[in-house]
Amino acid sequence: LIGGLLGAGAAAQQLQTAPAPTPTQQTAPSPTPQSPPAAAATAPSRQLQYDLKVGGKQTWMDSGIDVQAGDRLLIISEGTVRDVLGAAAGPDGLPRGWREVLLALPVNAAGIGALIGRIGDDPAVVPFLLGAHKEMQAPRSGRLYLGINQTENEPAQGSFAVKVEITPAATPGAAPPPATPSESAITPQQLAEV
């Protein structure tokens, strides 16, 4: 009983201290919305779709999207940016030539001008390639930053149109749905007989 009360108090405290999402731009709801779990019905709703524009003038852009560890992310982008030499790159970037091999880019394994992302603003956070289409599970909670794989002193011209869709992770501590009779291996009557 005491453990249950302590757990309920911690859950209530966690709900009160959770930051509210700060969407950057409203979009229409998904044509096939998913039903939230019963426990999430009492939690404040959060925006799950975003349309953003990522320009080449800066390496990183704060998307205004807070993700939770375990959230499923679908990120789709299109558009063109041009590097300082005028070469056009799509969201997957350009292959790196001899000149670019010497450059230290945020994601060295990705093409120059590619769409990249990171979760969190800590300098120790490792950025990752997003490209034109990326489905991933958020490895940690934090703010989603989007950017162009480029050096800070050679900004690109142009932009990418980016759509971000979030499928929330299961709520920690939420009770699983009740088992249906076909899922139960032992009935209460069989248990009483044992």
Protein backbone atom coordinates (compact mmCIF):
# COMPACT_ATOMS: atom_id res chain seq x y z
CA LEU A 1 0.00 0.00 0.00
CA ILE A 2 2.78 2.46 0.92
CA GLY A 3 4.69 1.57 -2.27
CA GLY A 4 1.53 2.23 -4.31
CA LEU A 5 1.02 5.63 -2.68
CA LEU A 6 4.66 6.59 -3.22
CA GLY A 7 4.46 5.50 -6.87
CA ALA A 8 1.26 7.52 -7.40
CA GLY A 9 2.83 10.59 -5.78
CA ALA A 10 5.91 10.32 -8.02
CA ALA A 11 3.70 9.95 -11.10
CA ALA A 12 1.67 13.02 -10.11
CA GLN A 13 4.86 15.01 -9.53
CA GLN A 14 6.20 13.90 -12.93
CA LEU A 15 3.01 15.09 -14.66
CA GLN A 16 3.22 18.49 -12.97
CA THR A 17 6.86 19.09 -13.90
CA ALA A 18 6.70 17.93 -17.53
CA PRO A 19 7.27 20.89 -19.90
CA ALA A 20 4.50 21.74 -22.31
CA PRO A 21 5.35 21.20 -26.00
CA THR A 22 6.09 24.34 -27.97
CA PRO A 23 5.00 23.74 -31.58
CA THR A 24 6.44 26.05 -34.22
CA GLN A 25 3.66 25.72 -36.76
CA GLN A 26 0.22 24.14 -36.65
CA THR A 27 -0.72 21.48 -39.21
CA ALA A 28 -3.88 19.56 -39.94
CA PRO A 29 -4.41 16.40 -37.88
CA SER A 30 -3.46 13.08 -39.47
CA PRO A 31 -6.20 11.60 -41.64
CA THR A 32 -5.91 8.36 -39.64
CA PRO A 33 -5.45 9.45 -36.01
CA GLN A 34 -4.39 6.84 -33.51
CA SER A 35 -6.34 6.36 -30.31
CA PRO A 36 -4.22 7.30 -27.28
CA PRO A 37 -3.95 4.83 -24.40
CA ALA A 38 -6.45 5.34 -21.56
CA ALA A 39 -3.71 6.72 -19.26
CA ALA A 40 -2.78 9.35 -21.86
CA ALA A 41 -6.38 10.60 -22.04
CA THR A 42 -5.86 12.56 -18.82
CA ALA A 43 -2.43 13.94 -19.87
CA PRO A 44 -2.31 17.15 -21.91
CA SER A 45 -2.33 16.44 -25.63
CA ARG A 46 0.77 17.18 -27.66
CA GLN A 47 1.13 18.10 -31.27
CA LEU A 48 2.25 15.15 -33.38
CA GLN A 49 2.74 16.71 -36.84
CA TYR A 50 4.95 19.61 -37.88
CA ASP A 51 5.84 21.31 -41.16
CA LEU A 52 9.15 23.17 -40.99
CA LYS A 53 11.57 25.00 -43.24
CA VAL A 54 15.28 24.40 -42.62
CA GLY A 55 17.46 27.08 -44.23
CA GLY A 56 21.12 26.82 -45.09
CA LYS A 57 22.20 30.03 -43.36
CA GLN A 58 22.93 28.30 -40.06
CA THR A 59 24.16 24.83 -39.20
CA TRP A 60 21.46 24.09 -36.55
CA MET A 61 17.83 25.18 -36.21
CA ASP A 62 15.75 24.68 -33.06
CA SER A 63 12.64 22.91 -34.40
CA GLY A 64 10.58 23.68 -31.28
CA ILE A 65 9.75 19.95 -31.06
CA ASP A 66 10.32 18.12 -27.78
CA VAL A 67 10.55 14.35 -28.24
CA GLN A 68 10.41 11.66 -25.58
CA ALA A 69 12.69 8.61 -25.47
CA GLY A 70 10.96 5.84 -27.40
CA ASP A 71 8.86 8.13 -29.63
CA ARG A 72 8.75 6.93 -33.24
CA LEU A 73 9.74 9.71 -35.65
CA LEU A 74 9.04 9.91 -39.36
CA ILE A 75 10.94 12.74 -41.03
CA ILE A 76 10.41 13.46 -44.74
CA SER A 77 12.13 16.32 -46.54
CA GLU A 78 12.53 17.84 -49.98
CA GLY A 79 14.21 20.87 -51.47
CA THR A 80 17.64 22.03 -52.56
CA VAL A 81 20.53 23.86 -50.99
CA ARG A 82 23.62 25.15 -52.79
CA ASP A 83 27.09 25.11 -51.28
CA VAL A 84 29.58 28.02 -51.59
CA LEU A 85 30.75 26.68 -54.95
CA GLY A 86 27.16 26.57 -56.27
CA ALA A 87 26.72 22.78 -56.26
CA ALA A 88 23.07 21.82 -55.61
CA ALA A 89 22.30 19.19 -52.96
CA GLY A 90 19.06 17.50 -52.01
CA PRO A 91 18.30 16.29 -48.47
CA ASP A 92 20.59 13.26 -48.95
CA GLY A 93 23.55 15.55 -49.66
CA LEU A 94 26.35 15.40 -52.21
CA PRO A 95 29.17 12.86 -52.26
CA ARG A 96 32.24 14.28 -50.57
CA GLY A 97 35.16 15.05 -52.87
CA TRP A 98 38.80 15.68 -51.97
CA ARG A 99 38.05 19.23 -50.82
CA GLU A 100 35.26 18.10 -48.48
CA VAL A 101 37.22 15.15 -47.03
CA LEU A 102 39.43 17.68 -45.25
CA LEU A 103 36.43 19.46 -43.71
CA ALA A 104 35.15 18.52 -40.26
CA LEU A 105 31.38 18.32 -40.74
CA PRO A 106 28.77 17.64 -38.04
CA VAL A 107 28.15 14.18 -39.61
CA ASN A 108 31.34 13.20 -41.43
CA ALA A 109 29.80 10.01 -42.85
CA ALA A 110 27.01 11.99 -44.58
CA GLY A 111 27.16 13.97 -47.80
CA ILE A 112 27.78 17.69 -47.78
CA GLY A 113 24.53 19.66 -47.65
CA ALA A 114 22.51 16.72 -46.30
CA LEU A 115 19.66 17.21 -43.81
CA ILE A 116 20.89 16.17 -40.35
CA GLY A 117 19.42 16.12 -36.85
CA ARG A 118 20.24 15.76 -33.19
CA ILE A 119 18.23 15.45 -29.99
CA GLY A 120 19.40 17.89 -27.31
CA ASP A 121 21.74 20.87 -27.36
CA ASP A 122 24.55 19.38 -25.27
CA PRO A 123 27.85 19.51 -27.23
CA ALA A 124 28.33 15.79 -26.47
CA VAL A 125 25.16 14.83 -28.40
CA VAL A 126 26.04 12.95 -31.59
CA PRO A 127 24.19 14.25 -34.68
CA PHE A 128 22.76 11.82 -37.26
CA LEU A 129 21.79 11.79 -40.95
CA LEU A 130 18.11 12.33 -41.74
CA GLY A 131 18.24 12.70 -45.52
CA ALA A 132 15.05 12.69 -47.60
CA HIS A 133 13.30 10.00 -45.53
CA LYS A 134 14.08 8.73 -42.04
CA GLU A 135 12.09 6.52 -39.67
CA MET A 136 13.65 6.18 -36.24
CA GLN A 137 12.97 5.73 -32.56
CA ALA A 138 14.14 8.62 -30.36
CA PRO A 139 17.05 7.26 -28.28
CA ARG A 140 16.63 9.98 -25.64
CA SER A 141 14.27 12.76 -24.58
CA GLY A 142 15.01 16.33 -25.58
CA ARG A 143 14.59 19.07 -28.16
CA LEU A 144 14.91 18.07 -31.83
CA TYR A 145 17.37 20.22 -33.78
CA LEU A 146 17.55 20.10 -37.57
CA GLY A 147 20.40 21.31 -39.72
CA ILE A 148 22.47 21.17 -42.86
CA ASN A 149 25.66 19.10 -42.95
CA GLN A 150 28.08 21.97 -43.56
CA THR A 151 30.78 23.95 -41.84
CA GLU A 152 29.71 27.04 -39.93
CA ASN A 153 31.89 29.34 -42.06
CA GLU A 154 30.51 28.07 -45.41
CA PRO A 155 26.70 28.33 -45.14
CA ALA A 156 24.52 27.05 -47.95
CA GLN A 157 21.84 28.93 -49.88
CA GLY A 158 18.31 27.53 -50.15
CA SER A 159 16.22 25.39 -47.81
CA PHE A 160 14.52 22.08 -47.18
CA ALA A 161 10.80 21.64 -46.48
CA VAL A 162 10.60 19.11 -43.64
CA LYS A 163 7.61 17.20 -42.31
CA VAL A 164 7.95 15.57 -38.88
CA GLU A 165 5.39 13.04 -37.60
CA ILE A 166 5.60 11.63 -34.07
CA THR A 167 4.06 8.43 -32.79
CA PRO A 168 4.29 8.68 -28.99
CA ALA A 169 6.06 6.00 -27.01
CA ALA A 170 3.99 3.90 -24.64
CA THR A 171 3.42 5.76 -21.37
CA PRO A 172 5.79 4.40 -18.70
CA GLY A 173 3.92 2.76 -15.86
CA ALA A 174 0.69 2.51 -17.83
CA ALA A 175 -1.25 -0.66 -17.19
CA PRO A 176 -1.36 -3.06 -20.14
CA PRO A 177 -4.78 -3.60 -21.70
CA PRO A 178 -6.82 -6.30 -19.96
CA ALA A 179 -6.39 -9.80 -21.40
CA THR A 180 -9.27 -11.17 -23.41
CA PRO A 181 -10.48 -14.71 -22.60
CA SER A 182 -8.73 -16.04 -25.73
CA GLU A 183 -5.40 -14.59 -24.46
CA SER A 184 -5.64 -16.10 -20.95
CA ALA A 185 -3.99 -19.49 -20.58
CA ILE A 186 -5.46 -20.21 -17.10
CA THR A 187 -8.94 -19.21 -15.97
CA PRO A 188 -9.69 -18.28 -12.33
CA GLN A 189 -11.72 -21.51 -12.02
CA GLN A 190 -8.74 -23.62 -13.18
CA LEU A 191 -6.48 -21.79 -10.72
CA ALA A 192 -8.89 -22.55 -7.84
CA GLU A 193 -8.82 -26.25 -8.74
CA VAL A 194 -5.04 -26.35 -8.41
